[in-house]
Amino acid sequence: LVGNEVAVKLFSAVEKGDLEAVTQILKFATADDVNHRASYENERTALVMAIILDNLAIAEAILTHPDVKPNLPNKYDVLPLMLATSRMTDLLLSHPKVWTDVKGVERSFRVACKEGKLELVRVYLACGELNINAHNEDGVTALMLAACYNFPLVVEALFNRPDLDVNMQTFDGYTTLTRACCGAKELPHIVQLLLSHPKLNINLRQQNGSTALAYACVAGRKKSVALLLANPTIDVNLPD
């Protein structure tokens, strides 16, 4: 571990799960000490180590330090929130400094949806501050990721939020439904689930004019095509 003596002791105490030692060290730890990143541990901080070990008591103690930076990523740009269990996520989201990086919170939420971590997703959804429709640099939302990675239970959990925009489009015009209709493999149960949402617009078109039906036909997704055609709101006469 490269760094001053206090940082070394703090990191060691966290690794050992020694809450008493951590508490004592934090009393005289500086901002540099508490936020020091270990060179041999993917540049993790003491807080991140506590998160990885799922030691709630130690993480809570570190978060009480006035100079802690709870959003520091490791060298791979992985945020502390992305490594947390559901109970640890709940703790982190209750800390005001975590919300100074709203984009980081939103990115962590999308990762949880993409990985199908339902319990974790529910913790995020319980936060009123969370923008459920936040997108990445390509316009991809949490709903799109949950649907396209085939996590129907996560999709259903997202449906429970009244502020969900089921018709959001990526910057090139794809909707969640369109992506589900033309992905690498057919996802009829996801398509059916999306069609059950009362606010879904089945006829939204991409920038090139194509609808979800057109994409499903081109991709040869017979089950998805059948589901789309069975929907009473479908307009089969829309031109490409």
Protein backbone atom coordinates (compact mmCIF):
# COMPACT_ATOMS: atom_id res chain seq x y z
CA LEU A 1 0.00 0.00 0.00
CA VAL A 2 1.47 3.32 -1.07
CA GLY A 3 0.48 6.23 1.13
CA ASN A 4 0.93 7.65 4.61
CA GLU A 5 0.84 5.63 7.79
CA VAL A 6 -2.72 6.56 8.75
CA ALA A 7 -4.10 5.46 5.37
CA VAL A 8 -2.22 2.18 5.66
CA LYS A 9 -3.62 1.51 9.12
CA LEU A 10 -7.15 2.43 8.07
CA PHE A 11 -7.12 0.13 5.06
CA SER A 12 -5.66 -2.70 7.14
CA ALA A 13 -8.30 -2.28 9.85
CA VAL A 14 -11.07 -2.36 7.24
CA GLU A 15 -9.67 -5.54 5.69
CA LYS A 16 -9.60 -7.17 9.14
CA GLY A 17 -13.12 -6.03 9.92
CA ASP A 18 -11.90 -4.24 13.05
CA LEU A 19 -14.60 -1.63 13.68
CA GLU A 20 -13.03 -0.37 16.89
CA ALA A 21 -9.70 0.30 15.18
CA VAL A 22 -11.42 1.95 12.21
CA THR A 23 -13.35 4.24 14.55
CA GLN A 24 -10.20 5.29 16.39
CA ILE A 25 -8.20 5.89 13.19
CA LEU A 26 -10.97 8.01 11.70
CA LYS A 27 -10.69 10.43 14.62
CA PHE A 28 -7.38 11.76 13.32
CA ALA A 29 -7.59 10.76 9.65
CA THR A 30 -7.32 13.59 7.12
CA ALA A 31 -9.19 13.87 3.84
CA ASP A 32 -6.19 12.35 2.07
CA ASP A 33 -6.15 9.46 4.52
CA VAL A 34 -9.81 8.53 4.27
CA ASN A 35 -9.90 8.89 0.48
CA HIS A 36 -6.54 7.24 -0.24
CA ARG A 37 -6.68 4.63 -2.99
CA ALA A 38 -4.61 1.46 -2.60
CA SER A 39 -2.40 0.88 -5.63
CA TYR A 40 -2.53 -2.92 -5.36
CA GLU A 41 -6.30 -3.10 -4.91
CA ASN A 42 -7.50 -1.59 -8.20
CA GLU A 43 -7.05 1.80 -6.49
CA ARG A 44 -9.86 1.11 -4.05
CA THR A 45 -10.55 3.34 -1.09
CA ALA A 46 -11.14 2.08 2.43
CA LEU A 47 -14.86 2.71 1.90
CA VAL A 48 -14.90 0.57 -1.24
CA MET A 49 -13.14 -2.24 0.61
CA ALA A 50 -15.82 -2.09 3.32
CA ILE A 51 -18.49 -2.18 0.60
CA ILE A 52 -16.91 -5.21 -1.07
CA LEU A 53 -16.73 -6.99 2.29
CA ASP A 54 -20.34 -5.93 2.91
CA ASN A 55 -19.35 -4.62 6.33
CA LEU A 56 -22.19 -2.23 6.98
CA ALA A 57 -20.93 -0.99 10.35
CA ILE A 58 -17.49 -0.06 9.03
CA ALA A 59 -18.90 1.56 5.90
CA GLU A 60 -21.25 3.61 8.07
CA ALA A 61 -18.34 4.68 10.27
CA ILE A 62 -16.28 5.82 7.27
CA LEU A 63 -19.25 7.72 5.86
CA THR A 64 -19.39 9.80 9.05
CA HIS A 65 -15.99 11.31 8.26
CA PRO A 66 -16.60 14.92 7.16
CA ASP A 67 -14.16 14.70 4.26
CA VAL A 68 -15.12 11.32 2.82
CA LYS A 69 -15.71 11.18 -0.93
CA PRO A 70 -18.20 8.33 -1.42
CA ASN A 71 -18.24 8.56 -5.21
CA LEU A 72 -14.56 7.92 -5.93
CA PRO A 73 -14.29 5.23 -8.65
CA ASN A 74 -11.52 2.67 -8.91
CA LYS A 75 -9.04 2.70 -11.78
CA TYR A 76 -11.59 0.94 -14.00
CA ASP A 77 -14.14 3.72 -13.39
CA VAL A 78 -16.32 1.41 -11.30
CA LEU A 79 -18.26 3.44 -8.74
CA PRO A 80 -18.72 2.31 -5.12
CA LEU A 81 -22.47 2.00 -5.69
CA MET A 82 -21.88 -0.53 -8.45
CA LEU A 83 -20.19 -2.88 -5.98
CA ALA A 84 -22.77 -2.63 -3.22
CA THR A 85 -25.33 -5.12 -1.97
CA SER A 86 -28.91 -3.94 -1.52
CA ARG A 87 -28.47 -3.05 2.15
CA MET A 88 -25.20 -1.26 1.41
CA THR A 89 -26.83 0.60 -1.47
CA ASP A 90 -29.56 1.75 0.89
CA LEU A 91 -26.88 3.12 3.23
CA LEU A 92 -24.99 4.88 0.44
CA LEU A 93 -28.10 6.46 -1.06
CA SER A 94 -28.96 7.91 2.35
CA HIS A 95 -25.69 9.87 2.35
CA PRO A 96 -26.09 13.39 0.91
CA LYS A 97 -22.66 13.40 -0.73
CA VAL A 98 -23.58 10.43 -2.92
CA TRP A 99 -26.19 12.62 -4.60
CA THR A 100 -23.58 15.22 -5.55
CA ASP A 101 -22.86 12.81 -8.42
CA VAL A 102 -26.39 12.28 -9.73
CA LYS A 103 -25.07 10.93 -13.03
CA GLY A 104 -23.10 8.33 -11.09
CA VAL A 105 -26.20 7.23 -9.19
CA GLU A 106 -28.15 6.95 -12.43
CA ARG A 107 -25.36 4.97 -14.08
CA SER A 108 -25.21 2.58 -11.13
CA PHE A 109 -28.99 2.14 -11.35
CA ARG A 110 -28.77 1.24 -15.04
CA VAL A 111 -26.04 -1.31 -14.29
CA ALA A 112 -28.28 -2.94 -11.67
CA CYS A 113 -31.11 -3.16 -14.23
CA LYS A 114 -28.80 -4.53 -16.91
CA GLU A 115 -27.56 -7.23 -14.53
CA GLY A 116 -31.06 -8.14 -13.37
CA LYS A 117 -30.43 -7.39 -9.69
CA LEU A 118 -34.07 -7.07 -8.68
CA GLU A 119 -33.55 -6.49 -4.95
CA LEU A 120 -31.01 -3.79 -5.72
CA VAL A 121 -33.28 -2.18 -8.31
CA ARG A 122 -36.05 -1.95 -5.72
CA VAL A 123 -33.75 -0.04 -3.37
CA TYR A 124 -33.05 2.51 -6.09
CA LEU A 125 -36.73 2.78 -7.01
CA ALA A 126 -37.59 3.62 -3.42
CA CYS A 127 -35.57 6.82 -3.75
CA GLY A 128 -37.76 9.70 -4.76
CA GLU A 129 -34.73 11.58 -6.07
CA LEU A 130 -33.96 8.98 -8.72
CA ASN A 131 -34.78 9.88 -12.32
CA ILE A 132 -36.02 6.54 -13.61
CA ASN A 133 -35.87 7.78 -17.21
CA ALA A 134 -32.24 8.92 -17.10
CA HIS A 135 -30.27 7.70 -20.10
CA ASN A 136 -26.64 7.13 -21.04
CA GLU A 137 -24.68 8.89 -23.78
CA ASP A 138 -26.58 6.91 -26.44
CA GLY A 139 -30.02 7.58 -24.99
CA VAL A 140 -30.36 4.07 -23.52
CA THR A 141 -32.53 3.88 -20.40
CA ALA A 142 -32.80 1.43 -17.51
CA LEU A 143 -36.01 0.00 -18.98
CA MET A 144 -34.31 -0.70 -22.30
CA LEU A 145 -31.47 -2.52 -20.56
CA ALA A 146 -33.75 -4.63 -18.35
CA ALA A 147 -35.92 -5.57 -21.33
CA CYS A 148 -33.16 -6.34 -23.81
CA TYR A 149 -31.14 -8.34 -21.29
CA ASN A 150 -34.26 -10.39 -20.58
CA PHE A 151 -35.11 -9.50 -17.00
CA PRO A 152 -38.94 -9.39 -16.92
CA LEU A 153 -39.14 -9.05 -13.13
CA VAL A 154 -37.01 -5.92 -13.30
CA VAL A 155 -39.22 -4.59 -16.10
CA GLU A 156 -42.28 -5.18 -13.91
CA ALA A 157 -40.62 -3.38 -11.01
CA LEU A 158 -39.92 -0.39 -13.25
CA PHE A 159 -43.55 -0.44 -14.40
CA ASN A 160 -44.59 0.28 -10.80
CA ARG A 161 -43.13 3.77 -10.99
CA PRO A 162 -45.78 6.18 -12.35
CA ASP A 163 -43.10 8.49 -13.74
CA LEU A 164 -41.70 5.79 -16.05
CA ASP A 165 -41.71 6.85 -19.71
CA VAL A 166 -42.19 3.56 -21.56
CA ASN A 167 -41.96 5.33 -24.93
CA MET A 168 -38.57 6.97 -24.56
CA GLN A 169 -36.33 6.70 -27.60
CA THR A 170 -32.58 6.44 -27.99
CA PHE A 171 -30.83 9.19 -29.90
CA ASP A 172 -31.24 7.16 -33.10
CA GLY A 173 -34.93 6.56 -32.42
CA TYR A 174 -35.12 3.05 -30.95
CA THR A 175 -37.80 2.46 -28.31
CA THR A 176 -37.68 -0.31 -25.72
CA LEU A 177 -40.27 -2.20 -27.76
CA THR A 178 -38.28 -1.82 -30.98
CA ARG A 179 -35.10 -3.07 -29.33
CA ALA A 180 -36.95 -6.04 -27.83
CA CYS A 181 -38.34 -6.93 -31.27
CA CYS A 182 -35.03 -7.03 -33.13
CA GLY A 183 -32.37 -8.09 -30.64
CA ALA A 184 -29.96 -11.00 -30.87
CA LYS A 185 -32.69 -13.44 -29.86
CA GLU A 186 -36.46 -13.38 -29.78
CA LEU A 187 -38.03 -12.21 -26.53
CA PRO A 188 -41.79 -12.71 -26.94
CA HIS A 189 -42.47 -12.64 -23.19
CA ILE A 190 -40.72 -9.27 -22.94
CA VAL A 191 -42.63 -7.95 -25.96
CA GLN A 192 -45.90 -9.13 -24.43
CA LEU A 193 -45.00 -7.49 -21.12
CA LEU A 194 -44.21 -4.18 -22.81
CA LEU A 195 -47.47 -4.32 -24.76
CA SER A 196 -49.35 -4.66 -21.47
CA HIS A 197 -48.27 -1.19 -20.34
CA PRO A 198 -51.25 1.17 -20.77
CA LYS A 199 -49.12 4.07 -21.98
CA LEU A 200 -47.13 2.18 -24.62
CA ASN A 201 -47.25 3.64 -28.12
CA ILE A 202 -46.86 0.63 -30.38
CA ASN A 203 -46.63 2.77 -33.53
CA LEU A 204 -43.69 5.01 -32.63
CA ARG A 205 -41.23 5.25 -35.50
CA GLN A 206 -37.47 5.42 -35.58
CA GLN A 207 -35.72 8.25 -37.44
CA ASN A 208 -35.78 6.17 -40.64
CA GLY A 209 -39.54 5.75 -40.30
CA SER A 210 -39.54 2.10 -39.23
CA THR A 211 -41.80 0.82 -36.44
CA ALA A 212 -41.35 -2.06 -34.03
CA LEU A 213 -43.47 -4.18 -36.37
CA ALA A 214 -41.19 -3.44 -39.31
CA TYR A 215 -38.10 -4.36 -37.30
CA ALA A 216 -39.69 -7.56 -36.02
CA CYS A 217 -40.57 -8.57 -39.59
CA VAL A 218 -37.08 -7.86 -40.92
CA ALA A 219 -35.51 -9.78 -38.02
CA GLY A 220 -37.81 -12.75 -38.61
CA ARG A 221 -39.27 -12.63 -35.11
CA LYS A 222 -42.49 -14.52 -35.83
CA LYS A 223 -43.75 -14.66 -32.25
CA SER A 224 -43.16 -10.95 -31.74
CA VAL A 225 -44.86 -10.13 -35.04
CA ALA A 226 -47.91 -12.16 -33.98
CA LEU A 227 -48.08 -10.35 -30.64
CA LEU A 228 -47.81 -6.96 -32.32
CA LEU A 229 -50.50 -7.78 -34.89
CA ALA A 230 -52.83 -8.98 -32.14
CA ASN A 231 -52.66 -5.62 -30.40
CA PRO A 232 -55.75 -3.50 -31.22
CA THR A 233 -53.76 -0.25 -31.41
CA ILE A 234 -51.35 -1.44 -34.12
CA ASP A 235 -51.34 0.53 -37.38
CA VAL A 236 -50.11 -1.83 -40.09
CA ASN A 237 -50.36 0.84 -42.78
CA LEU A 238 -47.67 3.16 -41.50
CA PRO A 239 -45.07 3.67 -44.27
CA ASP A 240 -41.37 3.09 -43.63
